[in-house]
Amino acid sequence: MSRAPILIGLTGSIGMGKSTTAAMFRDLGFPVWDADAAVGRLYAKGGKAVAPLKELIPSAIQDGTVSKAALKEAIATSPNLLLEIESIVHPLVKQDRRDFAAAHQDAEFIVFDVPLLFETGAHKKVDHVVTVSTFAENQRARVLARGTMDEPTFNMIIRKQTPDAEKRSKADTVINTETLDSARDQVAALIEKLRAAHA
């Protein structure tokens, strides 16, 4: 009888190297479910969130897709909308995650890349929680180097996210992403450790 996959929850604050680390798991041949990509699918033309959000906020639908900018605008004028949007989107994201897991039941490991892993309680649905982390100055430099965000916006996002220290304390494993080679070694070591533990 084949063993069920080991479920790994991967999280980390903005600029910590989570997407890069997720790609390292992917490179090892493990399926990775990306929460942000799931939302993108739901908001795209024909996505499952389009019709219910159109009913709630008609102005948020543009060319058959959900406009994140229009959603933000609507929430800014009516903050109560956020809870209503979440009550539509969160169950759809959870279903997408369940469908992904069901489609990869033959995998040795399944990785769930979830920025709000702790905030949404998704950490309770996995076998092992990994937080990626780096020094605060590295984090700031990486985000600002992208050229897509100014410092005040970055600071605002940081204030809204669960503090890095708290994420590290709640994790089963912390992967430090100061260098790519070191992070890759830590990912490989984690896989070997989990294999041994579940042998």
Protein backbone atom coordinates (compact mmCIF):
# COMPACT_ATOMS: atom_id res chain seq x y z
CA MET A 1 0.00 0.00 0.00
CA SER A 2 1.46 3.36 -0.98
CA ARG A 3 1.98 5.99 1.69
CA ALA A 4 0.11 9.31 1.64
CA PRO A 5 2.24 12.30 0.64
CA ILE A 6 4.01 14.30 3.35
CA LEU A 7 2.46 17.78 3.32
CA ILE A 8 4.86 20.72 3.74
CA GLY A 9 3.57 24.22 4.45
CA LEU A 10 5.97 26.89 3.20
CA THR A 11 5.66 30.47 4.38
CA GLY A 12 7.65 33.64 4.97
CA SER A 13 7.23 37.39 4.92
CA ILE A 14 7.68 39.54 1.82
CA GLY A 15 11.24 39.53 0.46
CA MET A 16 12.35 36.55 2.54
CA GLY A 17 12.89 34.26 -0.47
CA LYS A 18 9.77 32.10 -0.27
CA SER A 19 9.11 31.91 -4.02
CA THR A 20 12.78 31.10 -4.68
CA THR A 21 12.68 28.35 -2.04
CA ALA A 22 9.41 26.99 -3.49
CA ALA A 23 11.20 26.71 -6.85
CA MET A 24 13.93 24.63 -5.16
CA PHE A 25 11.32 22.09 -4.05
CA ARG A 26 9.89 22.14 -7.57
CA ASP A 27 13.36 21.52 -9.02
CA LEU A 28 13.56 18.38 -6.87
CA GLY A 29 10.41 17.14 -8.60
CA PHE A 30 7.85 17.85 -5.89
CA PRO A 31 4.47 19.44 -6.74
CA VAL A 32 4.09 22.94 -5.31
CA TRP A 33 0.71 24.61 -4.81
CA ASP A 34 0.98 28.41 -4.87
CA ALA A 35 -1.76 30.33 -2.99
CA ASP A 36 -1.17 33.53 -4.98
CA ALA A 37 -1.39 31.64 -8.28
CA ALA A 38 -4.62 30.00 -7.09
CA VAL A 39 -6.15 33.44 -6.47
CA GLY A 40 -4.94 34.46 -9.94
CA ARG A 41 -6.80 31.49 -11.47
CA LEU A 42 -9.97 32.32 -9.53
CA TYR A 43 -9.82 35.97 -10.67
CA ALA A 44 -9.05 35.18 -14.33
CA LYS A 45 -11.64 34.99 -17.11
CA GLY A 46 -13.89 32.02 -16.36
CA GLY A 47 -12.49 31.77 -12.80
CA LYS A 48 -14.82 30.65 -10.04
CA ALA A 49 -14.59 33.94 -8.12
CA VAL A 50 -15.66 36.14 -11.05
CA ALA A 51 -19.46 35.60 -10.92
CA PRO A 52 -19.92 35.89 -7.12
CA LEU A 53 -17.67 38.96 -6.94
CA LYS A 54 -19.52 40.54 -9.86
CA GLU A 55 -22.71 40.19 -7.86
CA LEU A 56 -21.09 41.82 -4.82
CA ILE A 57 -19.03 44.53 -6.58
CA PRO A 58 -19.95 44.89 -10.27
CA SER A 59 -17.27 47.58 -10.79
CA ALA A 60 -14.52 45.12 -9.80
CA ILE A 61 -15.03 43.04 -12.95
CA GLN A 62 -13.19 44.33 -16.00
CA ASP A 63 -13.06 42.41 -19.31
CA GLY A 64 -14.43 39.34 -17.55
CA THR A 65 -11.68 39.27 -14.91
CA VAL A 66 -11.49 40.50 -11.32
CA SER A 67 -9.44 43.69 -11.04
CA LYS A 68 -7.41 43.68 -7.83
CA ALA A 69 -7.01 47.46 -8.10
CA ALA A 70 -10.80 47.90 -8.32
CA LEU A 71 -11.26 45.57 -5.33
CA LYS A 72 -8.80 47.65 -3.28
CA GLU A 73 -10.66 50.81 -4.28
CA ALA A 74 -14.01 49.32 -3.22
CA ILE A 75 -12.56 48.16 0.12
CA ALA A 76 -11.07 51.61 0.75
CA THR A 77 -14.52 53.19 0.50
CA SER A 78 -16.29 50.38 2.36
CA PRO A 79 -13.96 48.42 4.70
CA ASN A 80 -16.75 45.94 5.61
CA LEU A 81 -16.52 44.61 2.05
CA LEU A 82 -13.25 42.86 2.87
CA LEU A 83 -14.98 40.25 5.05
CA GLU A 84 -17.57 39.63 2.35
CA ILE A 85 -14.85 39.24 -0.31
CA GLU A 86 -12.93 36.85 1.95
CA SER A 87 -16.08 34.81 2.61
CA ILE A 88 -16.30 34.27 -1.17
CA VAL A 89 -12.62 33.82 -2.02
CA HIS A 90 -11.24 31.83 0.95
CA PRO A 91 -13.50 28.77 0.47
CA LEU A 92 -12.64 28.73 -3.25
CA VAL A 93 -8.90 28.89 -2.47
CA LYS A 94 -9.29 26.02 0.03
CA GLN A 95 -11.12 23.94 -2.58
CA ASP A 96 -8.37 24.65 -5.12
CA ARG A 97 -5.80 23.46 -2.56
CA ARG A 98 -7.78 20.28 -1.85
CA ASP A 99 -8.14 19.57 -5.58
CA PHE A 100 -4.38 20.01 -6.05
CA ALA A 101 -3.61 17.62 -3.18
CA ALA A 102 -6.09 15.06 -4.54
CA ALA A 103 -4.44 15.22 -7.97
CA HIS A 104 -0.98 14.54 -6.48
CA GLN A 105 -1.68 11.68 -4.08
CA ASP A 106 1.13 9.64 -5.67
CA ALA A 107 3.74 12.29 -4.78
CA GLU A 108 6.25 11.74 -1.98
CA PHE A 109 5.89 15.34 -0.80
CA ILE A 110 3.43 18.11 -1.63
CA VAL A 111 4.48 21.68 -0.87
CA PHE A 112 1.92 24.40 -0.14
CA ASP A 113 3.36 27.87 -0.72
CA VAL A 114 1.11 30.08 1.43
CA PRO A 115 2.10 33.64 2.45
CA LEU A 116 -0.62 33.73 5.16
CA LEU A 117 -0.11 30.15 6.36
CA PHE A 118 -0.48 30.97 10.08
CA GLU A 119 -2.98 33.81 9.63
CA THR A 120 -5.45 31.55 7.77
CA GLY A 121 -4.90 28.50 9.98
CA ALA A 122 -3.58 26.51 7.00
CA HIS A 123 -0.57 25.41 9.11
CA LYS A 124 -2.93 22.98 10.88
CA LYS A 125 -3.54 21.15 7.58
CA VAL A 126 0.10 20.19 6.92
CA ASP A 127 2.59 17.74 8.43
CA HIS A 128 5.59 20.08 8.56
CA VAL A 129 5.82 23.88 8.58
CA VAL A 130 8.79 25.66 6.95
CA THR A 131 9.41 29.38 7.42
CA VAL A 132 11.94 31.07 5.15
CA SER A 133 13.83 33.97 6.68
CA THR A 134 16.75 36.32 6.25
CA PHE A 135 18.14 39.42 7.96
CA ALA A 136 15.81 42.44 7.96
CA GLU A 137 18.29 44.50 5.90
CA ASN A 138 18.42 41.74 3.24
CA GLN A 139 14.64 41.63 3.15
CA ARG A 140 14.30 45.41 2.67
CA ALA A 141 17.06 45.53 0.02
CA ARG A 142 15.49 42.67 -1.98
CA VAL A 143 12.00 44.18 -2.01
CA LEU A 144 13.13 47.70 -2.90
CA ALA A 145 15.48 46.33 -5.61
CA ARG A 146 12.45 44.95 -7.46
CA GLY A 147 11.45 48.52 -8.28
CA THR A 148 7.75 47.75 -7.87
CA MET A 149 7.31 49.18 -4.38
CA ASP A 150 8.41 52.24 -2.43
CA GLU A 151 9.62 52.18 1.17
CA PRO A 152 6.38 53.45 2.82
CA THR A 153 4.37 50.69 1.06
CA PHE A 154 6.94 48.09 2.11
CA ASN A 155 6.76 49.29 5.73
CA MET A 156 2.96 49.16 5.65
CA ILE A 157 3.00 45.54 4.39
CA ILE A 158 5.52 44.55 7.08
CA ARG A 159 3.28 46.02 9.78
CA LYS A 160 0.33 43.96 8.51
CA GLN A 161 2.19 40.65 8.31
CA THR A 162 2.83 38.32 11.24
CA PRO A 163 6.33 39.28 12.53
CA ASP A 164 9.19 37.18 11.16
CA ALA A 165 10.29 36.17 14.68
CA GLU A 166 6.82 34.80 15.40
CA LYS A 167 6.77 32.86 12.11
CA ARG A 168 10.17 31.38 12.92
CA SER A 169 9.07 30.38 16.42
CA LYS A 170 5.99 28.58 15.06
CA ALA A 171 7.87 26.70 12.32
CA ASP A 172 9.14 23.13 12.45
CA THR A 173 12.06 24.17 10.24
CA VAL A 174 13.53 27.58 9.42
CA ILE A 175 15.37 27.92 6.11
CA ASN A 176 17.77 30.87 6.02
CA THR A 177 18.01 32.40 2.56
CA GLU A 178 21.12 34.59 2.87
CA THR A 179 22.59 32.69 -0.10
CA LEU A 180 20.92 30.50 -2.73
CA ASP A 181 23.43 27.67 -2.32
CA SER A 182 22.90 27.54 1.43
CA ALA A 183 19.10 27.57 1.02
CA ARG A 184 19.30 24.78 -1.56
CA ASP A 185 21.42 22.68 0.84
CA GLN A 186 18.91 23.28 3.64
CA VAL A 187 16.00 22.18 1.41
CA ALA A 188 17.86 18.97 0.47
CA ALA A 189 18.70 18.30 4.13
CA LEU A 190 15.07 18.81 5.15
CA ILE A 191 13.86 16.30 2.54
CA GLU A 192 16.35 13.70 3.80
CA LYS A 193 15.33 14.36 7.41
CA LEU A 194 11.62 13.96 6.62
CA ARG A 195 12.27 10.82 4.57
CA ALA A 196 14.12 9.29 7.52
CA ALA A 197 11.39 10.33 9.98
CA HIS A 198 8.62 8.85 7.84
CA ALA A 199 10.46 5.73 6.67
